[in-house]
N, C-alpha and C. Protein backbone atom coordinates (compact mmCIF):
# COMPACT_ATOMS: atom_id res chain seq x y z
N MET A 1 76.41 80.71 84.76
CA MET A 1 76.08 79.62 84.11
C MET A 1 77.47 78.83 83.30
N THR A 2 78.15 78.24 83.64
CA THR A 2 79.02 77.57 82.75
C THR A 2 78.79 76.64 81.68
N TYR A 3 79.71 76.44 80.81
CA TYR A 3 79.20 75.71 80.21
C TYR A 3 80.50 74.46 79.67
N PRO A 4 80.16 73.55 79.47
CA PRO A 4 81.14 72.45 78.99
C PRO A 4 82.58 73.07 78.04
N PRO A 5 83.41 72.77 78.14
CA PRO A 5 84.74 73.38 77.85
C PRO A 5 84.86 73.17 75.81
N THR A 6 85.12 73.76 75.41
CA THR A 6 85.23 73.79 73.83
C THR A 6 86.32 73.02 73.42
N PRO A 7 86.84 72.47 72.22
CA PRO A 7 87.96 72.05 71.97
C PRO A 7 89.02 73.37 71.78
N ASP A 8 88.82 74.14 71.26
CA ASP A 8 89.37 76.01 71.30
C ASP A 8 89.82 76.16 72.63
N GLN A 9 89.67 75.88 73.76
CA GLN A 9 89.70 76.59 75.21
C GLN A 9 90.75 75.86 75.65
N PRO A 10 92.07 75.48 75.50
CA PRO A 10 93.17 74.68 76.24
C PRO A 10 93.42 74.91 77.37
N GLY A 11 93.47 74.36 78.59
CA GLY A 11 93.80 74.39 80.08
C GLY A 11 92.41 74.09 80.55
N GLN A 12 91.49 74.20 79.79
CA GLN A 12 90.21 73.91 80.72
C GLN A 12 89.58 72.40 80.60
N GLY A 13 89.20 71.95 81.28
CA GLY A 13 89.10 70.67 81.62
C GLY A 13 88.52 69.97 82.67
N GLY A 14 87.74 69.00 82.66
CA GLY A 14 87.69 68.02 84.15
C GLY A 14 85.96 69.27 84.11
N PHE A 15 86.19 68.90 85.80
CA PHE A 15 84.70 69.81 86.25
C PHE A 15 84.88 71.31 86.63
N GLN A 16 83.92 71.56 86.25
CA GLN A 16 83.43 73.02 86.30
C GLN A 16 82.48 73.12 87.28
N TYR A 17 82.30 74.29 87.93
CA TYR A 17 81.08 74.76 88.55
C TYR A 17 80.05 74.97 87.91
N ASP A 18 78.63 74.40 88.32
CA ASP A 18 77.83 75.13 87.64
C ASP A 18 76.86 75.06 89.07
N PRO A 19 76.23 76.81 89.37
CA PRO A 19 75.41 77.03 90.03
C PRO A 19 74.13 76.22 90.28
N TYR A 20 73.50 75.73 88.98
CA TYR A 20 72.40 75.43 88.76
C TYR A 20 71.98 73.80 89.12
N GLY A 21 73.08 73.42 89.11
CA GLY A 21 72.85 71.62 89.62
C GLY A 21 73.15 71.25 88.49
N ASN A 22 73.02 69.61 88.55
CA ASN A 22 73.59 68.48 87.63
C ASN A 22 72.86 69.04 85.89
N GLN A 23 73.75 69.03 85.14
CA GLN A 23 73.56 69.20 83.94
C GLN A 23 74.66 68.65 83.03
N PRO A 24 73.97 68.14 81.78
CA PRO A 24 74.76 67.37 81.07
C PRO A 24 76.42 68.16 80.95
N GLY A 25 77.90 67.54 81.48
CA GLY A 25 78.91 67.92 81.23
C GLY A 25 79.52 69.04 82.05
N SER A 26 78.29 68.79 83.28
CA SER A 26 79.06 69.89 84.51
C SER A 26 80.00 68.90 85.61
N GLN A 27 79.89 67.91 85.26
CA GLN A 27 81.02 66.60 86.41
C GLN A 27 81.53 65.91 85.54
N PRO A 28 82.65 65.45 85.89
CA PRO A 28 83.65 64.35 84.88
C PRO A 28 83.18 63.10 85.47
N GLN A 29 83.09 62.37 84.48
CA GLN A 29 82.43 60.65 84.35
C GLN A 29 83.75 60.33 85.41
N GLN A 30 83.65 59.40 86.12
CA GLN A 30 84.26 58.43 86.64
C GLN A 30 84.69 57.25 86.02
N PRO A 31 85.58 56.78 85.99
CA PRO A 31 85.99 55.49 85.12
C PRO A 31 85.23 54.29 85.08
N GLY A 32 84.49 53.82 83.99
CA GLY A 32 83.96 52.59 84.62
C GLY A 32 82.49 52.89 84.62
N GLY A 33 82.17 54.19 84.37
CA GLY A 33 80.98 54.23 84.63
C GLY A 33 80.46 54.75 86.16
N TYR A 34 81.40 54.28 87.44
CA TYR A 34 80.84 54.52 88.39
C TYR A 34 81.08 55.64 89.40
N SER A 35 79.78 56.17 89.76
CA SER A 35 79.69 56.79 90.65
C SER A 35 79.38 56.51 92.00
N PRO A 36 80.55 57.81 92.81
CA PRO A 36 80.48 57.37 94.35
C PRO A 36 79.23 57.88 95.09
N GLN A 37 78.68 58.92 94.37
CA GLN A 37 77.49 59.41 95.22
C GLN A 37 76.03 59.19 94.25
N PRO A 38 75.01 58.82 94.62
CA PRO A 38 73.97 58.69 93.71
C PRO A 38 73.64 60.24 93.33
N GLN A 39 72.95 60.14 91.90
CA GLN A 39 73.14 61.44 90.98
C GLN A 39 71.53 62.00 91.74
N GLN A 40 71.47 63.38 92.15
CA GLN A 40 70.16 63.74 92.77
C GLN A 40 69.34 64.92 91.26
N PRO A 41 68.38 64.53 91.41
CA PRO A 41 67.95 65.80 90.11
C PRO A 41 68.04 67.00 91.16
N GLY A 42 68.78 67.84 89.66
CA GLY A 42 69.06 69.59 90.42
C GLY A 42 68.28 70.25 89.67
N TYR A 43 68.48 71.55 89.56
CA TYR A 43 67.34 72.75 88.68
C TYR A 43 67.68 72.64 86.99
N GLY A 44 68.11 71.53 86.84
CA GLY A 44 68.51 71.53 84.92
C GLY A 44 66.93 71.47 84.46
N GLN A 45 66.97 70.55 83.85
CA GLN A 45 65.99 70.23 82.70
C GLN A 45 64.72 69.93 83.15
N PRO A 46 63.35 70.22 83.25
CA PRO A 46 62.36 69.96 83.53
C PRO A 46 62.02 68.67 83.12
N SER A 47 61.40 67.48 84.32
CA SER A 47 60.86 66.31 84.57
C SER A 47 59.43 66.08 83.38
N GLN A 48 58.88 67.58 83.68
CA GLN A 48 57.73 67.13 83.04
C GLN A 48 57.38 68.25 81.82
N PRO A 49 56.76 67.99 80.72
CA PRO A 49 56.92 68.99 80.18
C PRO A 49 56.27 70.26 80.45
N GLN A 50 56.70 71.52 79.81
CA GLN A 50 56.20 73.12 80.09
C GLN A 50 54.53 73.07 79.93
N GLN A 51 54.08 73.98 80.76
CA GLN A 51 52.53 73.91 80.27
C GLN A 51 52.66 75.47 79.12
N PRO A 52 52.12 75.51 78.61
CA PRO A 52 52.03 76.74 77.53
C PRO A 52 51.55 77.82 78.23
N GLY A 53 51.80 78.84 79.04
CA GLY A 53 51.44 79.60 79.43
C GLY A 53 50.86 80.19 80.61
N TYR A 54 50.19 81.05 81.51
CA TYR A 54 49.68 80.64 82.95
C TYR A 54 48.23 80.78 82.88
N GLY A 55 47.30 81.07 81.93
CA GLY A 55 46.28 80.77 81.73
C GLY A 55 45.22 81.95 82.65
N ALA A 56 44.21 82.17 83.54
CA ALA A 56 42.89 83.34 83.65
C ALA A 56 43.41 83.32 85.16
N ALA A 57 43.41 84.00 85.77
CA ALA A 57 43.46 84.42 87.52
C ALA A 57 42.52 83.62 87.75
N PRO A 58 43.05 82.61 89.14
CA PRO A 58 41.81 82.39 90.32
C PRO A 58 40.77 83.25 90.46
N GLN A 59 39.42 82.99 90.64
CA GLN A 59 38.75 84.15 91.27
C GLN A 59 38.92 83.63 92.95
N LEU A 60 39.20 85.05 93.61
CA LEU A 60 39.31 85.25 95.08
C LEU A 60 37.64 84.80 95.62
N PRO A 61 37.59 84.31 96.78
CA PRO A 61 36.68 84.22 97.57
C PRO A 61 36.40 85.74 98.41
N PRO A 62 35.16 86.19 98.50
CA PRO A 62 34.85 87.43 98.84
C PRO A 62 35.33 87.56 100.79
N ALA A 63 36.09 89.06 100.59
CA ALA A 63 36.69 89.11 102.36
C ALA A 63 35.67 89.30 103.18
N ALA A 64 36.18 88.71 104.30
CA ALA A 64 35.29 88.87 105.65
C ALA A 64 34.77 89.76 106.15
N PRO A 65 33.77 90.35 106.25
CA PRO A 65 33.22 91.62 107.11
C PRO A 65 34.47 91.68 108.36
N GLY A 66 34.21 93.47 108.14
CA GLY A 66 35.41 94.10 108.98
C GLY A 66 37.02 93.42 108.75
N TYR A 67 37.44 93.15 108.30
CA TYR A 67 38.68 92.48 107.29
C TYR A 67 39.26 93.45 106.00
N PRO A 68 40.11 93.43 105.78
CA PRO A 68 40.58 94.74 104.24
C PRO A 68 40.57 92.99 103.69
N PRO A 69 40.16 93.93 102.58
CA PRO A 69 40.21 92.43 101.37
C PRO A 69 41.91 91.46 100.84
N GLN A 70 41.73 90.48 100.61
CA GLN A 70 42.83 89.48 100.14
C GLN A 70 43.75 90.35 99.02
N TYR A 71 45.17 90.38 99.26
CA TYR A 71 45.90 90.91 98.54
C TYR A 71 45.71 89.81 96.98
N GLY A 72 45.51 91.05 95.79
CA GLY A 72 44.99 90.67 94.56
C GLY A 72 43.20 90.90 94.27
N ALA A 73 43.14 90.81 95.47
CA ALA A 73 41.37 91.09 95.52
C ALA A 73 41.16 92.55 95.02
N PRO A 74 39.59 93.29 94.13
CA PRO A 74 39.45 94.04 94.12
C PRO A 74 38.80 94.57 95.37
N GLY A 75 39.23 95.71 95.65
CA GLY A 75 38.98 96.32 97.19
C GLY A 75 37.61 97.32 96.77
N PRO A 76 37.11 97.87 97.83
CA PRO A 76 36.15 98.89 97.92
C PRO A 76 36.10 100.42 97.43
N TYR A 77 37.55 100.05 96.48
CA TYR A 77 37.85 101.82 95.77
C TYR A 77 37.41 101.79 94.57
N GLY A 78 36.42 101.90 94.48
CA GLY A 78 35.23 101.96 93.24
C GLY A 78 35.12 103.31 93.04
N PRO A 79 34.57 103.82 92.26
CA PRO A 79 34.23 105.23 91.85
C PRO A 79 34.08 105.78 93.45
N GLN A 80 34.76 107.20 92.79
CA GLN A 80 34.50 108.38 94.32
C GLN A 80 33.35 109.05 94.03
N LEU A 81 32.36 109.07 95.55
CA LEU A 81 31.45 109.71 95.79
C LEU A 81 31.74 110.95 95.49
N PRO A 82 30.60 111.98 95.25
CA PRO A 82 30.86 113.36 95.10
C PRO A 82 30.77 113.79 96.75
N LYS A 83 31.68 114.76 96.81
CA LYS A 83 31.30 115.30 98.76
C LYS A 83 31.58 117.17 98.34
N GLY A 84 30.98 117.82 97.07
CA GLY A 84 31.13 119.28 96.96
C GLY A 84 30.51 119.78 97.62
N GLN A 85 29.27 119.36 98.63
CA GLN A 85 28.49 119.77 99.39
C GLN A 85 29.04 119.90 100.88
N ALA A 86 29.39 118.92 100.86
CA ALA A 86 30.15 118.66 102.16
C ALA A 86 31.31 119.97 102.41
N ILE A 87 32.04 119.72 101.53
CA ILE A 87 33.34 120.53 101.53
C ILE A 87 32.64 122.20 101.23
N ALA A 88 31.63 122.84 100.64
CA ALA A 88 31.20 123.69 100.70
C ALA A 88 30.55 124.41 101.78
N SER A 89 29.74 123.46 102.66
CA SER A 89 29.30 123.95 103.87
C SER A 89 30.78 123.89 104.94
N MET A 90 31.45 123.00 105.03
CA MET A 90 32.87 123.28 105.89
C MET A 90 33.00 124.59 105.40
N VAL A 91 33.85 124.76 104.63
CA VAL A 91 34.40 126.18 104.01
C VAL A 91 33.28 127.28 104.41
N LEU A 92 32.32 127.30 104.20
CA LEU A 92 31.09 128.51 104.16
C LEU A 92 31.19 128.48 106.03
N GLY A 93 31.36 127.60 106.73
CA GLY A 93 31.10 127.86 108.21
C GLY A 93 32.25 128.68 108.54
N ILE A 94 33.46 128.09 108.14
CA ILE A 94 34.85 128.42 108.31
C ILE A 94 34.91 130.11 107.89
N ILE A 95 34.62 130.60 107.10
CA ILE A 95 34.25 131.79 106.48
C ILE A 95 33.46 132.75 107.44
N GLY A 96 32.24 131.61 107.87
CA GLY A 96 31.60 132.52 108.93
C GLY A 96 32.27 133.02 110.00
N VAL A 97 33.00 132.03 110.73
CA VAL A 97 33.49 132.43 112.02
C VAL A 97 34.49 133.39 111.58
N GLY A 98 35.35 133.29 110.39
CA GLY A 98 36.20 134.23 110.43
C GLY A 98 35.62 135.65 110.07
N ILE A 99 34.77 135.68 109.25
CA ILE A 99 34.34 137.18 109.25
C ILE A 99 33.42 137.80 110.77
N LEU A 100 32.92 137.01 110.99
CA LEU A 100 31.88 137.46 112.52
C LEU A 100 33.31 137.90 113.17
N CYS A 101 34.32 137.48 113.30
CA CYS A 101 35.58 138.33 114.06
C CYS A 101 35.96 139.73 113.72
N LEU A 102 35.56 140.07 112.53
CA LEU A 102 36.19 141.50 112.16
C LEU A 102 35.41 142.43 112.84
N PRO A 103 35.80 143.53 112.71
CA PRO A 103 35.48 144.70 113.91
C PRO A 103 34.51 145.59 113.31
N ILE A 104 33.44 145.47 112.16
CA ILE A 104 32.67 145.77 111.44
C ILE A 104 31.41 145.43 111.53
N PRO A 105 30.92 146.27 112.51
CA PRO A 105 29.26 145.53 113.39
C PRO A 105 28.53 145.46 112.59
N TYR A 106 27.57 146.06 112.07
CA TYR A 106 26.35 145.52 111.05
C TYR A 106 26.85 144.25 109.52
N VAL A 107 27.77 144.77 109.28
CA VAL A 107 28.10 144.45 107.69
C VAL A 107 28.65 142.97 108.35
N SER A 108 29.27 142.63 109.12
CA SER A 108 30.16 141.21 109.72
C SER A 108 28.58 140.63 110.28
N GLY A 109 28.14 141.02 111.02
CA GLY A 109 27.06 140.24 111.50
C GLY A 109 26.11 139.66 110.38
N LEU A 110 26.00 140.35 109.70
CA LEU A 110 25.31 140.12 108.19
C LEU A 110 25.73 138.93 107.79
N ILE A 111 26.63 139.19 107.15
CA ILE A 111 27.72 138.73 106.19
C ILE A 111 27.54 137.04 106.77
N SER A 112 28.25 136.94 108.19
CA SER A 112 28.43 136.00 108.76
C SER A 112 26.92 135.22 109.34
N LEU A 113 26.05 135.53 109.24
CA LEU A 113 24.84 134.99 109.46
C LEU A 113 24.04 134.19 107.92
N VAL A 114 24.30 135.16 106.78
CA VAL A 114 23.85 134.15 105.45
C VAL A 114 24.80 133.04 105.35
N CYS A 115 26.32 133.12 105.92
CA CYS A 115 27.48 132.14 105.70
C CYS A 115 27.01 131.16 106.48
N GLY A 116 26.32 131.47 107.60
CA GLY A 116 26.26 130.02 108.63
C GLY A 116 25.23 129.79 108.12
N VAL A 117 23.84 130.47 107.87
CA VAL A 117 22.80 129.89 107.32
C VAL A 117 22.75 128.63 105.78
N THR A 118 23.71 129.14 105.15
CA THR A 118 23.98 128.80 103.96
C THR A 118 24.81 127.35 104.24
N ALA A 119 25.76 127.38 105.78
CA ALA A 119 26.57 126.05 105.55
C ALA A 119 25.55 124.89 106.08
N ALA A 120 24.79 125.06 107.28
CA ALA A 120 23.99 124.80 108.10
C ALA A 120 23.28 123.89 106.75
N ILE A 121 22.10 124.61 106.43
CA ILE A 121 21.50 123.86 105.05
C ILE A 121 22.39 122.89 104.25
N LEU A 122 23.26 123.74 103.73
CA LEU A 122 24.26 122.46 102.78
C LEU A 122 24.76 121.13 103.66
N GLY A 123 24.93 121.45 105.03
CA GLY A 123 25.35 120.45 105.65
C GLY A 123 24.40 119.28 106.18
N GLY A 124 23.48 119.72 106.37
CA GLY A 124 21.69 119.11 106.48
C GLY A 124 21.79 118.09 105.16
N ILE A 125 21.93 119.00 103.70
CA ILE A 125 21.26 117.94 102.67
C ILE A 125 23.06 117.11 102.50
N ALA A 126 24.06 117.63 102.64
CA ALA A 126 25.10 116.91 102.54
C ALA A 126 24.92 115.51 103.26
N ILE A 127 24.55 115.89 104.37
CA ILE A 127 24.53 114.60 105.50
C ILE A 127 23.48 113.80 105.04
N LYS A 128 22.04 114.18 104.44
CA LYS A 128 21.22 113.29 104.08
C LYS A 128 21.23 112.55 103.03
N LYS A 129 22.12 112.92 101.90
CA LYS A 129 22.85 112.59 101.08
C LYS A 129 23.57 111.23 101.34
N ILE A 130 24.71 111.44 102.40
CA ILE A 130 25.61 110.44 102.51
C ILE A 130 24.97 109.59 103.21
N ASN A 131 23.76 109.53 104.17
CA ASN A 131 23.37 108.51 105.00
C ASN A 131 22.79 107.90 103.63
N GLN A 132 22.35 108.16 102.64
CA GLN A 132 21.85 107.50 101.73
C GLN A 132 22.85 106.57 100.97
N GLY A 133 23.79 107.15 100.90
CA GLY A 133 24.84 106.41 100.31
C GLY A 133 25.00 107.08 98.80
N LEU A 134 24.54 108.32 98.30
CA LEU A 134 25.12 108.76 97.06
C LEU A 134 26.27 109.58 97.31
N ALA A 135 26.84 110.28 98.58
CA ALA A 135 27.77 111.09 98.70
C ALA A 135 28.71 110.63 99.59
N ALA A 136 29.82 111.17 99.79
CA ALA A 136 30.69 111.40 100.84
C ALA A 136 31.53 112.37 101.39
N GLY A 137 32.12 112.25 102.70
CA GLY A 137 32.75 113.27 103.18
C GLY A 137 31.92 113.79 104.28
N LYS A 138 31.45 112.56 105.04
CA LYS A 138 30.65 112.66 106.53
C LYS A 138 30.94 113.95 107.36
N GLY A 139 32.33 113.61 107.63
CA GLY A 139 33.19 114.19 108.61
C GLY A 139 33.19 115.79 108.22
N GLN A 140 33.32 116.14 106.99
CA GLN A 140 33.23 117.59 106.65
C GLN A 140 32.12 118.24 106.73
N ALA A 141 30.63 116.95 106.55
CA ALA A 141 29.00 117.69 106.68
C ALA A 141 29.10 118.46 107.70
N ILE A 142 29.28 117.11 108.73
CA ILE A 142 29.00 117.42 110.13
C ILE A 142 29.44 118.88 110.43
N THR A 143 31.25 118.91 110.34
CA THR A 143 31.16 120.12 110.62
C THR A 143 30.37 121.06 109.86
N GLY A 144 30.48 121.65 108.73
CA GLY A 144 30.05 122.51 108.26
C GLY A 144 28.73 122.47 109.09
N LEU A 145 28.02 121.70 109.36
CA LEU A 145 26.40 121.76 109.84
C LEU A 145 26.85 122.33 111.24
N VAL A 146 27.35 121.99 111.84
CA VAL A 146 27.95 122.56 113.65
C VAL A 146 28.32 123.63 113.31
N LEU A 147 29.76 124.23 112.42
CA LEU A 147 29.98 125.91 112.35
C LEU A 147 28.91 126.93 111.98
N GLY A 148 28.37 126.21 111.13
CA GLY A 148 27.02 126.65 110.32
C GLY A 148 26.01 127.26 111.78
N ILE A 149 25.61 126.25 112.33
CA ILE A 149 24.55 126.54 113.69
C ILE A 149 25.27 127.50 114.67
N ILE A 150 26.42 127.13 114.86
CA ILE A 150 27.29 127.92 115.90
C ILE A 150 27.07 129.75 115.34
N VAL A 151 27.75 129.62 114.14
CA VAL A 151 27.58 130.95 113.34
C VAL A 151 26.83 131.42 113.47
N CYS A 152 25.13 131.14 113.19
CA CYS A 152 23.86 131.68 112.81
C CYS A 152 24.07 132.52 114.45
N ALA A 153 23.96 131.42 115.44
CA ALA A 153 23.67 131.57 116.77
C ALA A 153 24.69 132.63 116.93
N LEU A 154 25.85 133.09 117.21
CA LEU A 154 26.68 133.79 117.24
C LEU A 154 26.18 135.09 116.87
N ALA A 155 26.18 135.34 115.55
CA ALA A 155 25.95 136.41 114.31
C ALA A 155 24.40 136.92 115.22
N ILE A 156 23.46 136.18 115.23
CA ILE A 156 22.25 136.93 115.99
C ILE A 156 22.55 137.67 117.38
N ILE A 157 23.46 136.52 117.97
CA ILE A 157 23.49 137.82 119.56
C ILE A 157 24.46 138.89 119.23
N ALA A 158 25.35 138.77 118.26
CA ALA A 158 26.46 140.49 118.34
C ALA A 158 24.97 141.20 117.27
N LEU A 159 24.27 140.60 116.62
CA LEU A 159 23.01 141.77 116.26
C LEU A 159 22.44 142.12 116.93
N ILE A 160 22.00 141.34 118.14
CA ILE A 160 21.11 141.92 118.76
C ILE A 160 22.18 143.12 119.76
N ALA A 161 22.94 142.79 120.00
CA ALA A 161 23.88 143.50 120.91
C ALA A 161 24.55 144.60 120.00
N VAL A 162 24.86 144.71 119.03
CA VAL A 162 25.16 145.93 118.73
C VAL A 162 23.82 146.68 118.65
N GLY A 163 22.44 145.95 118.09
CA GLY A 163 21.54 146.90 117.45
C GLY A 163 21.43 147.54 118.92
N SER A 164 21.12 147.08 119.82
CA SER A 164 20.82 147.66 121.34
C SER A 164 21.90 148.42 121.85
N LEU A 165 23.04 148.72 121.62
CA LEU A 165 24.10 149.41 122.25
C LEU A 165 23.77 150.55 121.01
N LEU A 166 23.62 150.57 119.75
CA LEU A 166 23.50 151.73 118.80
C LEU A 166 22.09 152.36 119.44
N ALA A 167 20.75 151.88 119.63
CA ALA A 167 19.51 152.09 120.08
C ALA A 167 20.09 152.90 121.24
N MET A 168 20.72 152.62 122.20
CA MET A 168 20.91 153.01 123.01
C MET A 168 21.70 154.42 123.28
N PHE A 169 22.68 154.36 122.63
CA PHE A 169 23.42 155.39 122.48
C PHE A 169 22.88 156.53 121.16
N GLY A 170 22.01 156.03 120.55
CA GLY A 170 21.14 156.92 119.44
C GLY A 170 20.22 157.93 119.79
N THR A 171 19.37 156.87 120.62
CA THR A 171 18.49 157.78 121.49
C THR A 171 18.78 158.97 122.57
N ALA A 172 19.88 158.46 122.86
CA ALA A 172 20.49 159.62 124.05
C ALA A 172 21.27 160.66 123.12
N ALA A 173 21.69 160.34 121.91
CA ALA A 173 22.29 161.79 121.14
C ALA A 173 21.46 162.69 120.38
N THR A 174 20.38 161.75 120.27
CA THR A 174 19.29 162.65 119.39
C THR A 174 18.20 163.67 120.63
N THR A 175 18.12 163.27 121.98
CA THR A 175 17.20 163.83 122.86
C THR A 175 18.29 165.15 123.40
N THR A 176 17.41 165.85 122.94
CA THR A 176 18.25 167.08 123.41
C THR A 176 17.29 168.19 124.63
N THR A 177 17.93 168.71 125.50
CA THR A 177 17.07 169.27 126.37
C THR A 177 17.29 170.91 126.17
N TYR A 178 16.02 172.35 126.36
CA TYR A 178 16.21 173.07 125.91
C TYR A 178 16.03 173.99 126.93
């Protein structure tokens, strides 16, 4: 922004460029007060008195269903719902699958069976709470429930297979003929 020349600045006079429009002292006066172009209001002084402060923010209408909320509107990001049971169900289901793959016959089958039953129970409880609106993590709860059921089925099949193999070889080893 430029200002009108002061008397202590020699060599500066006449017209000075002002990027903000017509302000007093920014353009030289024509002789006789004649102006070749009509003066247009610029960005200088406001024509109306300024209002004190901005006041309260306006209230926005609620967003239409199926659309995101408007800019500045409070969104549906309220308090986070707990999802501990859903996470525990999923983690136990994954652990059950991992333990089932271990080559320890009875131990891995029993531990994975316990993990699978617990994962299925926790997943079912978590889905019930999610449907009531008391919890979150529906995908994790469904994953835990499905993995729990699969691990239970595979663990029972593995225990039956190992038990039948041990029974078959165990009776053959104890039978002696004289």
